[in-house]
């Protein structure tokens, strides 16, 4: 094709596109539900961008944004170095960054004082205290939780990753190398549940695992099943997280004894039987030195339900990461309350962080009173099970949808945030607005396009660096209120 014809073809295409931009409806043409065909208008083609991304320069320039070199130094901090800190009042150095405050019903800033009182006494008395961080895929792999855990254990004592499922639900784990034999079966109260399951005894992690068929066949007394799991230290996480002196396995529904062997760094540490019992059972081990590798081998004719394994220090704070991919946080009322309470009491859980809402966002609606009602039901159930339990609801993060050539905040996101806040306040719980803390409307693109990036290209999830930033912002807010409590009681 000769150049004049090429030029004529290009101008013809541009002319057609120009005419389409004039006659095409500005609101687009709806093809089916949630699918609309759109075309750029002339104003959008020739004019300035109509969407403005949030300015997060204040976050990026503050000390809350941890450098990679500082992060690497944190990975090597030993328990001895952490133990010399004065725990009567939290270190003010971490508060130089931005603080987005925790909100309280009717402005009652003393709501968390009962928990702060327990936390202050932990290191002074050698007691244990536990925080469980539940959330959706935003905290998966120990993101956010790992930094919160590090800061709290550094300040108040303790070490270890906390309670884990015996078999990982997902392949990604930042703070622990976790492998297992291939015959483990996992059952969850969230996501895609097993409809054949005849009970709802999932435990505090909302899941359990077993290594023989379930329901059990009639010939369980003639066939022996074997399985193994191994935990190894991960050099990608904080030194305090890698260290533990106490190991406890939580199990139940054990119709047969289970022979086990425990190996620490390749050496046999213990061999015995898990006793048969229908109810919750706990098997414990203590170590003089934290093993770099911990392995279990099991053998029985009928596997029990394993609810979790806790890797903790023998005193101080434990902070658990409990991701529930696909969950909107409406899971606790679906689980057996007696078992849930037994595990909370045994673990001495005194604070829950509940970080949900992201999985509701894609289902666009004008009204989310139903979600507020359902989430309120979950909060009241938890507080009924453990009357002295404190709860902080962490609101949904900004999430972007593609609108023509721009990424914009979902139109319903603030309504979902408000539903979570209302449910928290109605049930006498605290609330931390992560959406506003990260910059509010259209802030997620700013996190994605930051250098280095703080979020992934799906415009939904934070990467590890961004998760650390949000985690320190939350920690700063929590410790700011803890310091206010300490000042009030002096």
Protein backbone atom coordinates (compact mmCIF):
# COMPACT_ATOMS: atom_id res chain seq x y z
CA UNK A 1 0.00 0.00 0.00
CA UNK A 2 1.39 3.38 -1.00
CA UNK A 3 1.93 6.18 1.56
CA UNK A 4 -1.00 8.37 0.36
CA UNK A 5 -3.38 5.44 0.77
CA UNK A 6 -1.98 4.65 4.23
CA UNK A 7 -2.47 8.27 5.26
CA UNK A 8 -6.03 8.27 3.92
CA UNK A 9 -6.79 5.05 5.81
CA UNK A 10 -5.46 6.50 9.09
CA UNK A 11 -7.52 9.68 8.70
CA UNK A 12 -10.60 7.62 7.87
CA UNK A 13 -10.19 5.58 11.06
CA UNK A 14 -9.70 8.73 13.14
CA UNK A 15 -12.78 10.31 11.57
CA UNK A 16 -14.89 7.25 12.39
CA UNK A 17 -13.63 7.24 15.98
CA UNK A 18 -14.36 10.96 16.21
CA UNK A 19 -17.97 10.42 15.06
CA UNK A 20 -18.40 7.52 17.50
CA UNK A 21 -17.16 9.68 20.39
CA UNK A 22 -19.82 12.28 19.54
CA UNK A 23 -22.83 9.95 19.28
CA UNK A 24 -21.84 7.31 21.86
CA UNK A 25 -23.85 7.71 25.14
CA UNK A 26 -21.76 9.18 27.93
CA UNK A 27 -23.19 6.65 30.40
CA UNK A 28 -22.22 3.81 28.03
CA UNK A 29 -24.29 0.91 26.72
CA UNK A 30 -25.17 -1.77 29.27
CA UNK A 31 -24.59 -5.24 27.81
CA UNK A 32 -25.49 -7.26 30.91
CA UNK A 33 -25.42 -6.83 34.68
CA UNK A 34 -22.15 -5.22 35.83
CA UNK A 35 -20.90 -5.07 32.19
CA UNK A 36 -21.14 -1.74 30.36
CA UNK A 37 -19.56 -0.86 27.01
CA UNK A 38 -18.00 2.61 27.16
CA UNK A 39 -16.18 4.92 24.78
CA UNK A 40 -14.04 7.98 25.45
CA UNK A 41 -15.76 11.31 24.86
CA UNK A 42 -14.06 14.20 23.09
CA UNK A 43 -13.74 16.05 26.38
CA UNK A 44 -11.89 13.09 27.86
CA UNK A 45 -9.67 12.73 24.79
CA UNK A 46 -8.72 16.39 24.55
CA UNK A 47 -9.11 17.55 28.14
CA UNK A 48 -7.23 16.92 31.37
CA UNK A 49 -7.73 13.77 33.44
CA UNK A 50 -11.06 13.83 35.26
CA UNK A 51 -9.87 11.42 37.96
CA UNK A 52 -7.33 12.60 40.52
CA UNK A 53 -5.44 10.05 42.57
CA UNK A 54 -4.96 10.71 46.27
CA UNK A 55 -1.85 12.51 47.44
CA UNK A 56 0.06 10.13 49.76
CA UNK A 57 3.27 12.14 49.85
CA UNK A 58 2.81 12.66 53.58
CA UNK A 59 2.80 8.91 54.12
CA UNK A 60 5.76 8.33 51.82
CA UNK A 61 7.88 11.04 53.46
CA UNK A 62 7.09 10.11 57.06
CA UNK A 63 9.08 7.74 59.21
CA UNK A 64 6.19 5.31 59.03
CA UNK A 65 7.56 4.17 55.66
CA UNK A 66 10.24 1.70 56.73
CA UNK A 67 13.32 1.46 54.54
CA UNK A 68 14.38 -1.96 53.33
CA UNK A 69 17.67 -1.64 55.27
CA UNK A 70 15.79 -0.90 58.50
CA UNK A 71 13.52 -3.85 57.81
CA UNK A 72 16.54 -6.15 57.38
CA UNK A 73 17.92 -4.93 60.73
CA UNK A 74 14.63 -5.84 62.38
CA UNK A 75 14.96 -9.38 61.06
CA UNK A 76 18.06 -9.93 63.19
CA UNK A 77 16.97 -8.36 66.48
CA UNK A 78 17.38 -10.89 69.27
CA UNK A 79 15.04 -11.50 72.23
CA UNK A 80 17.84 -10.31 74.58
CA UNK A 81 17.97 -6.95 72.79
CA UNK A 82 14.20 -6.65 72.92
CA UNK A 83 14.04 -7.53 76.62
CA UNK A 84 15.97 -4.47 77.82
CA UNK A 85 13.19 -2.09 76.78
CA UNK A 86 11.10 -0.38 79.46
CA UNK A 87 7.62 -1.81 78.93
CA UNK A 88 5.79 0.52 81.33
CA UNK A 89 5.45 3.01 78.52
CA UNK A 90 5.81 2.23 74.84
CA UNK A 91 8.70 3.78 72.94
CA UNK A 92 7.70 7.17 71.52
CA UNK A 93 10.20 6.91 68.67
CA UNK A 94 7.75 4.87 66.61
CA UNK A 95 5.17 7.64 66.89
CA UNK A 96 7.10 10.09 64.72
CA UNK A 97 5.15 8.83 61.72
CA UNK A 98 1.58 9.65 60.89
CA UNK A 99 -1.08 8.51 63.34
CA UNK A 100 -4.56 7.84 62.07
CA UNK A 101 -6.52 7.40 65.29
CA UNK A 102 -8.59 4.47 66.44
CA UNK A 103 -12.26 5.43 66.73
CA UNK A 104 -14.51 4.53 69.66
CA UNK A 105 -18.28 4.41 70.19
CA UNK A 106 -19.42 7.76 71.59
CA UNK A 107 -15.77 8.80 71.71
CA UNK A 108 -15.06 6.57 74.73
CA UNK A 109 -11.27 6.34 74.47
CA UNK A 110 -11.14 4.18 77.61
CA UNK A 111 -12.80 1.24 75.83
CA UNK A 112 -9.50 -0.63 75.39
CA UNK A 113 -8.17 0.15 78.87
CA UNK A 114 -9.05 -3.34 80.23
CA UNK A 115 -6.92 -4.90 77.49
CA UNK A 116 -4.13 -2.35 77.96
CA UNK A 117 -4.10 -3.21 81.66
CA UNK A 118 -3.54 -6.89 80.84
CA UNK A 119 -0.90 -6.06 78.21
CA UNK A 120 1.03 -3.82 80.60
CA UNK A 121 1.21 -6.63 83.17
CA UNK A 122 2.41 -9.35 80.80
CA UNK A 123 6.14 -8.73 80.93
CA UNK A 124 6.08 -7.72 84.59
CA UNK A 125 4.40 -10.97 85.66
CA UNK A 126 5.71 -13.49 83.12
CA UNK A 127 2.17 -14.27 81.99
CA UNK A 128 0.96 -15.03 78.49
CA UNK A 129 -1.47 -12.91 76.49
CA UNK A 130 -2.77 -13.51 72.98
CA UNK A 131 -4.01 -11.33 70.11
CA UNK A 132 -5.65 -12.99 67.10
CA UNK A 133 -5.66 -11.13 63.79
CA UNK A 134 -8.44 -12.43 61.54
CA UNK A 135 -8.85 -11.13 58.01
CA UNK A 136 -9.41 -11.87 54.36
CA UNK A 137 -6.72 -12.29 51.69
CA UNK A 138 -5.33 -8.83 52.54
CA UNK A 139 -3.45 -10.40 55.51
CA UNK A 140 -2.65 -13.71 53.83
CA UNK A 141 0.87 -15.03 54.25
CA UNK A 142 1.35 -13.10 57.53
CA UNK A 143 1.30 -9.71 55.80
CA UNK A 144 0.49 -6.87 58.22
CA UNK A 145 0.31 -9.29 61.16
CA UNK A 146 4.03 -10.06 61.08
CA UNK A 147 4.99 -6.42 61.63
CA UNK A 148 2.34 -5.84 64.32
CA UNK A 149 3.60 -8.98 66.06
CA UNK A 150 7.22 -7.85 65.87
CA UNK A 151 6.51 -4.39 67.30
CA UNK A 152 4.38 -5.71 70.17
CA UNK A 153 6.75 -8.54 71.09
CA UNK A 154 9.71 -6.17 70.88
CA UNK A 155 7.92 -3.89 73.32
CA UNK A 156 6.14 -6.28 75.69
CA UNK A 157 8.05 -9.55 75.44
CA UNK A 158 7.34 -12.87 73.83
CA UNK A 159 8.31 -14.53 70.57
CA UNK A 160 7.08 -17.13 68.10
CA UNK A 161 4.65 -17.06 65.19
CA UNK A 162 1.63 -18.13 67.24
CA UNK A 163 -0.99 -20.69 66.29
CA UNK A 164 -0.96 -22.17 62.80
CA UNK A 165 -3.06 -24.74 60.93
CA UNK A 166 -1.22 -28.06 60.71
CA UNK A 167 -1.46 -27.83 56.94
CA UNK A 168 -1.28 -24.47 55.20
CA UNK A 169 -4.43 -23.48 53.35
CA UNK A 170 -2.41 -21.49 50.81
CA UNK A 171 1.05 -21.88 49.34
CA UNK A 172 2.35 -18.45 50.39
CA UNK A 173 3.80 -17.98 53.88
CA UNK A 174 6.15 -15.12 54.76
CA UNK A 175 7.12 -16.10 58.29
CA UNK A 176 7.43 -19.88 58.29
CA UNK A 177 8.51 -22.67 55.96
CA UNK A 178 5.75 -25.23 56.31
CA UNK A 179 5.67 -28.58 54.48
CA UNK A 180 3.49 -31.66 54.92
CA UNK A 181 2.70 -35.04 53.43
CA UNK A 182 0.19 -35.04 50.61
CA UNK A 183 -2.54 -37.04 52.32
CA UNK A 184 -3.77 -34.29 54.63
CA UNK A 185 -7.35 -33.16 54.06
CA UNK A 186 -8.43 -29.65 55.03
CA UNK A 187 -11.88 -28.49 56.07
CA UNK A 188 -12.82 -24.82 56.45
CA UNK A 189 -15.80 -22.87 57.76
CA UNK A 190 -15.13 -20.18 55.13
CA UNK A 191 -14.78 -20.18 51.37
CA UNK A 192 -15.87 -23.43 49.74
CA UNK A 193 -17.07 -25.58 52.62
CA UNK A 194 -17.55 -29.35 52.58
CA UNK A 195 -21.32 -29.97 52.52
CA UNK A 196 -20.86 -33.60 53.62
CA UNK A 197 -19.40 -32.57 56.97
CA UNK A 198 -21.82 -33.47 59.77
CA UNK A 199 -20.50 -31.06 62.41
CA UNK A 200 -19.23 -27.49 62.71
CA UNK A 201 -16.35 -27.98 65.16
CA UNK A 202 -13.69 -25.99 63.31
CA UNK A 203 -11.89 -24.37 66.23
CA UNK A 204 -10.31 -20.93 66.61
CA UNK A 205 -8.70 -20.94 63.14
CA UNK A 206 -11.98 -21.73 61.40
CA UNK A 207 -10.46 -24.89 59.94
CA UNK A 208 -9.13 -28.32 60.83
CA UNK A 209 -7.08 -30.99 59.12
CA UNK A 210 -6.92 -34.80 59.22
CA UNK A 211 -5.00 -37.48 57.33
CA UNK A 212 -7.52 -40.33 57.05
CA UNK A 213 -10.83 -40.34 55.14
CA UNK A 214 -13.75 -38.46 56.68
CA UNK A 215 -16.38 -39.69 57.37
CA UNK A 216 -14.41 -42.75 58.40
CA UNK A 217 -15.02 -46.03 56.64
CA UNK A 218 -15.99 -49.21 58.48
CA UNK A 219 -12.57 -50.82 58.09
CA UNK A 220 -10.59 -48.15 59.96
CA UNK A 221 -9.33 -50.80 62.40
CA UNK A 222 -7.61 -52.71 59.57
CA UNK A 223 -5.85 -49.88 57.76
CA UNK A 224 -3.09 -47.71 59.21
CA UNK A 225 -2.63 -44.13 58.01
CA UNK A 226 0.59 -42.14 58.34
CA UNK A 227 1.35 -38.45 57.87
CA UNK A 228 4.04 -35.89 58.62
CA UNK A 229 4.50 -32.13 58.95
CA UNK A 230 7.64 -30.02 59.21
CA UNK A 231 8.14 -26.42 60.34
CA UNK A 232 11.38 -24.59 59.53
CA UNK A 233 12.58 -21.09 60.30
CA UNK A 234 12.19 -18.53 57.55
CA UNK A 235 14.99 -16.00 57.19
CA UNK A 236 12.52 -13.59 55.57
CA UNK A 237 10.85 -12.82 58.88
CA UNK A 238 11.77 -11.22 62.18
CA UNK A 239 14.12 -12.98 64.58
CA UNK A 240 11.50 -12.87 67.33
CA UNK A 241 8.99 -14.65 65.10
CA UNK A 242 11.43 -17.50 64.45
CA UNK A 243 12.05 -18.19 68.14
CA UNK A 244 9.72 -20.35 70.25
CA UNK A 245 10.11 -22.39 73.42
CA UNK A 246 6.62 -23.85 73.65
CA UNK A 247 4.67 -26.06 71.24
CA UNK A 248 1.04 -27.12 71.72
CA UNK A 249 -1.12 -29.20 69.38
CA UNK A 250 -4.89 -28.78 69.63
CA UNK A 251 -6.97 -31.73 68.48
CA UNK A 252 -10.29 -33.48 69.06
CA UNK A 253 -12.74 -36.04 67.69
CA UNK A 254 -10.06 -38.69 68.27
CA UNK A 255 -11.72 -42.11 68.16
CA UNK A 256 -8.35 -43.93 68.22
CA UNK A 257 -4.99 -43.24 69.89
CA UNK A 258 -2.39 -41.69 67.58
CA UNK A 259 1.26 -42.68 67.75
CA UNK A 260 3.56 -39.72 67.19
CA UNK A 261 7.24 -38.90 67.00
CA UNK A 262 8.62 -35.38 67.43
CA UNK A 263 11.98 -34.41 65.92
CA UNK A 264 13.93 -31.23 66.65
CA UNK A 265 16.70 -30.44 64.16
CA UNK A 266 16.66 -34.05 62.99
CA UNK A 267 16.94 -35.60 66.48
CA UNK A 268 14.14 -37.56 68.15
CA UNK A 269 12.71 -35.38 70.94
CA UNK A 270 9.65 -37.36 72.03
CA UNK A 271 7.56 -40.39 71.07
CA UNK A 272 4.22 -41.28 72.62
CA UNK A 273 0.48 -41.44 71.90
CA UNK A 274 -2.16 -38.76 71.55
CA UNK A 275 -4.98 -40.11 73.65
CA UNK A 276 -8.40 -40.88 72.20
CA UNK A 277 -11.02 -38.33 73.22
CA UNK A 278 -14.11 -36.79 71.67
CA UNK A 279 -13.55 -33.35 73.19
CA UNK A 280 -10.73 -30.83 72.84
CA UNK A 281 -7.29 -32.15 73.81
CA UNK A 282 -3.95 -30.35 74.06
CA UNK A 283 -0.53 -31.94 73.80
CA UNK A 284 2.40 -29.76 74.87
CA UNK A 285 6.19 -29.73 74.53
CA UNK A 286 8.82 -27.37 75.88
CA UNK A 287 12.28 -26.67 74.45
CA UNK A 288 15.33 -25.22 76.13
CA UNK A 289 16.44 -23.75 72.82
CA UNK A 290 14.27 -22.89 69.87
CA UNK A 291 14.71 -25.55 67.15
CA UNK A 292 15.44 -24.45 63.60
CA UNK A 293 13.40 -27.40 62.36
CA UNK A 294 10.47 -29.12 64.08
CA UNK A 295 8.92 -32.27 62.58
CA UNK A 296 6.03 -34.53 63.52
CA UNK A 297 5.18 -38.00 62.30
CA UNK A 298 1.76 -39.51 63.03
CA UNK A 299 0.40 -43.04 62.68
CA UNK A 300 -3.10 -44.32 63.49
CA UNK A 301 -6.10 -46.19 62.12
CA UNK A 302 -8.30 -43.08 62.34
CA UNK A 303 -7.03 -39.49 62.33
CA UNK A 304 -8.38 -36.98 64.83
CA UNK A 305 -9.35 -33.46 63.80
CA UNK A 306 -6.29 -31.22 64.25
CA UNK A 307 -7.32 -27.63 65.00
CA UNK A 308 -3.90 -26.01 65.13
CA UNK A 309 -0.37 -25.95 66.49
CA UNK A 310 0.84 -23.03 68.63
CA UNK A 311 4.53 -22.07 68.47
CA UNK A 312 5.07 -19.51 71.25
CA UNK A 313 7.44 -18.30 73.92
CA UNK A 314 6.81 -19.39 77.51
CA UNK A 315 5.70 -15.85 78.42
CA UNK A 316 4.76 -12.57 76.79
CA UNK A 317 2.55 -11.68 73.84
CA UNK A 318 1.50 -13.99 71.03
CA UNK A 319 -0.03 -12.56 67.86
CA UNK A 320 -1.70 -14.97 65.42
CA UNK A 321 -2.29 -14.50 61.71
CA UNK A 322 -5.61 -16.09 60.66
CA UNK A 323 -6.36 -15.38 56.98
CA UNK A 324 -9.74 -16.47 55.62
CA UNK A 325 -9.61 -16.10 51.86
CA UNK A 326 -12.98 -15.14 50.37
CA UNK A 327 -14.57 -14.46 53.77
CA UNK A 328 -16.63 -11.40 54.67
CA UNK A 329 -16.11 -12.10 58.38
CA UNK A 330 -19.48 -13.81 58.79
CA UNK A 331 -18.00 -17.11 59.89
CA UNK A 332 -17.93 -17.19 63.69
CA UNK A 333 -21.66 -17.81 64.09
CA UNK A 334 -21.29 -20.87 61.85
CA UNK A 335 -18.81 -22.57 64.17
CA UNK A 336 -19.37 -24.61 67.31
CA UNK A 337 -19.34 -22.06 70.13
CA UNK A 338 -18.24 -24.43 72.88
CA UNK A 339 -15.07 -25.47 71.06
CA UNK A 340 -14.35 -21.89 70.02
CA UNK A 341 -14.63 -20.72 73.63
CA UNK A 342 -12.48 -23.59 74.91
CA UNK A 343 -9.68 -22.69 72.51
CA UNK A 344 -9.92 -18.96 73.24
CA UNK A 345 -9.75 -19.66 76.97
CA UNK A 346 -6.83 -22.08 76.63
CA UNK A 347 -4.90 -19.66 74.42
CA UNK A 348 -5.82 -16.71 76.69
CA UNK A 349 -7.11 -14.61 73.78
CA UNK A 350 -7.90 -11.08 74.99
CA UNK A 351 -7.90 -9.01 71.79
CA UNK A 352 -9.26 -9.73 68.32
CA UNK A 353 -8.38 -7.71 65.23
CA UNK A 354 -11.08 -8.31 62.61
CA UNK A 355 -10.11 -7.07 59.14
CA UNK A 356 -12.86 -7.79 56.62
CA UNK A 357 -15.08 -6.16 54.02
CA UNK A 358 -13.03 -6.52 50.84
CA UNK A 359 -14.98 -9.53 49.63
CA UNK A 360 -18.25 -7.59 49.86
CA UNK A 361 -17.04 -4.75 47.62
CA UNK A 362 -17.50 -6.45 44.20
CA UNK A 363 -21.21 -6.97 44.99
CA UNK A 364 -22.39 -3.43 44.35
CA UNK A 365 -25.54 -2.33 46.14
CA UNK A 366 -27.12 0.90 47.32
CA UNK A 367 -27.67 -0.33 50.86
CA UNK A 368 -25.48 -2.38 53.18
CA UNK A 369 -27.65 -2.47 56.28
CA UNK A 370 -27.79 -6.23 55.79
CA UNK A 371 -23.99 -6.46 56.12
CA UNK A 372 -24.01 -4.23 59.18
CA UNK A 373 -26.66 -6.47 60.75
CA UNK A 374 -24.78 -9.68 59.95
CA UNK A 375 -21.40 -8.36 61.09
CA UNK A 376 -22.96 -7.06 64.30
CA UNK A 377 -24.25 -10.59 64.91
CA UNK A 378 -20.68 -11.94 64.63
CA UNK A 379 -19.29 -9.36 67.06
CA UNK A 380 -21.95 -9.95 69.69
CA UNK A 381 -21.47 -13.72 69.45
CA UNK A 382 -17.73 -13.39 70.04
CA UNK A 383 -18.21 -11.08 73.02
CA UNK A 384 -20.83 -13.42 74.46
CA UNK A 385 -18.41 -16.35 74.26
CA UNK A 386 -15.59 -14.39 75.95
CA UNK A 387 -17.11 -11.55 78.02
CA UNK A 388 -13.77 -9.77 78.71
CA UNK A 389 -12.70 -9.91 75.05
CA UNK A 390 -11.69 -6.65 73.36
CA UNK A 391 -12.21 -6.23 69.62
CA UNK A 392 -10.85 -3.75 67.08
CA UNK A 393 -12.54 -3.84 63.68
CA UNK A 394 -10.15 -2.78 60.90
CA UNK A 395 -12.10 -1.31 58.02
CA UNK A 396 -11.79 -2.19 54.37
CA UNK A 397 -8.90 -0.79 52.30
CA UNK A 398 -9.38 1.21 49.14
CA UNK A 399 -10.02 -0.97 46.07
CA UNK A 400 -10.06 0.18 42.46
CA UNK A 401 -12.18 -0.73 39.48
CA UNK A 402 -11.27 0.12 35.88
CA UNK A 403 -13.35 2.97 34.47
CA UNK A 404 -12.34 3.55 30.87
CA UNK A 405 -8.60 4.25 31.14
CA UNK A 406 -8.61 5.21 34.84
CA UNK A 407 -8.67 3.31 38.12
CA UNK A 408 -11.30 4.61 40.52
CA UNK A 409 -12.59 3.63 43.95
CA UNK A 410 -15.56 1.29 43.93
CA UNK A 411 -18.68 3.45 44.34
CA UNK A 412 -19.95 1.33 47.25
CA UNK A 413 -16.73 1.07 49.24
CA UNK A 414 -17.42 3.88 51.70
CA UNK A 415 -20.87 2.44 52.42
CA UNK A 416 -19.28 -0.89 53.33
CA UNK A 417 -16.73 0.92 55.51
CA UNK A 418 -19.59 2.70 57.27
CA UNK A 419 -21.49 -0.58 57.79
CA UNK A 420 -18.44 -2.07 59.52
CA UNK A 421 -18.00 1.01 61.70
CA UNK A 422 -21.69 1.04 62.68
CA UNK A 423 -21.59 -2.66 63.58
CA UNK A 424 -18.46 -2.10 65.67
CA UNK A 425 -19.92 0.82 67.58
CA UNK A 426 -23.26 -0.94 68.17
CA UNK A 427 -21.42 -3.88 69.74
CA UNK A 428 -19.10 -1.68 71.84
CA UNK A 429 -16.00 -2.38 69.74
CA UNK A 430 -13.28 -0.05 68.47
CA UNK A 431 -12.78 0.78 64.78
CA UNK A 432 -9.71 1.69 62.71
CA UNK A 433 -10.45 3.20 59.30
CA UNK A 434 -7.78 1.76 57.01
CA UNK A 435 -9.40 3.34 53.94
CA UNK A 436 -8.96 6.86 55.32
CA UNK A 437 -5.54 6.05 56.80
CA UNK A 438 -4.14 5.12 53.38
CA UNK A 439 -5.49 8.30 51.75
CA UNK A 440 -9.19 7.73 51.13
CA UNK A 441 -10.84 7.88 47.72
CA UNK A 442 -8.64 6.88 44.77
CA UNK A 443 -5.66 6.20 47.03
CA UNK A 444 -4.99 2.62 45.91
CA UNK A 445 -3.55 3.73 42.50
CA UNK A 446 -1.15 6.00 44.40
CA UNK A 447 0.05 2.97 46.38
CA UNK A 448 0.39 0.89 43.20
CA UNK A 449 2.30 3.61 41.30
CA UNK A 450 4.53 4.62 44.24
CA UNK A 451 8.27 4.07 43.80
CA UNK A 452 8.91 1.47 45.06
CA UNK A 453 5.34 0.12 44.74
CA UNK A 454 3.30 -0.43 47.92
CA UNK A 455 0.50 -2.47 46.34
CA UNK A 456 0.06 -5.00 43.55
CA UNK A 457 -1.22 -4.43 40.03
CA UNK A 458 -4.63 -5.91 40.87
CA UNK A 459 -5.33 -2.59 42.66
CA UNK A 460 -6.72 -4.57 45.61
CA UNK A 461 -3.88 -6.08 47.65
CA UNK A 462 -0.86 -4.52 49.35
CA UNK A 463 2.54 -6.05 48.70
CA UNK A 464 4.85 -6.87 51.61
CA UNK A 465 6.28 -3.35 51.73
CA UNK A 466 2.87 -1.70 51.68
CA UNK A 467 1.55 -4.09 54.31
CA UNK A 468 4.40 -3.02 56.60
CA UNK A 469 3.46 0.63 56.12
CA UNK A 470 -0.20 0.01 57.03
CA UNK A 471 0.83 -2.24 59.91
CA UNK A 472 3.01 0.44 61.46
CA UNK A 473 0.28 3.04 61.02
CA UNK A 474 -2.09 0.77 62.93
CA UNK A 475 0.54 -0.02 65.57
CA UNK A 476 1.22 3.69 66.08
CA UNK A 477 -2.49 4.31 66.65
CA UNK A 478 -2.72 1.43 69.13
CA UNK A 479 0.39 2.43 71.08
CA UNK A 480 -0.68 6.08 71.13
CA UNK A 481 -3.83 5.02 72.98
CA UNK A 482 -1.85 2.62 75.18
CA UNK A 483 0.42 5.49 76.22
CA UNK A 484 -2.66 7.56 77.05
CA UNK A 485 -3.82 4.73 79.29
CA UNK A 486 -0.41 4.56 81.05
CA UNK A 487 -0.46 8.33 81.64
CA UNK A 488 -3.96 8.10 83.11
CA UNK A 489 -3.02 5.52 85.75
CA UNK A 490 0.24 7.05 86.97
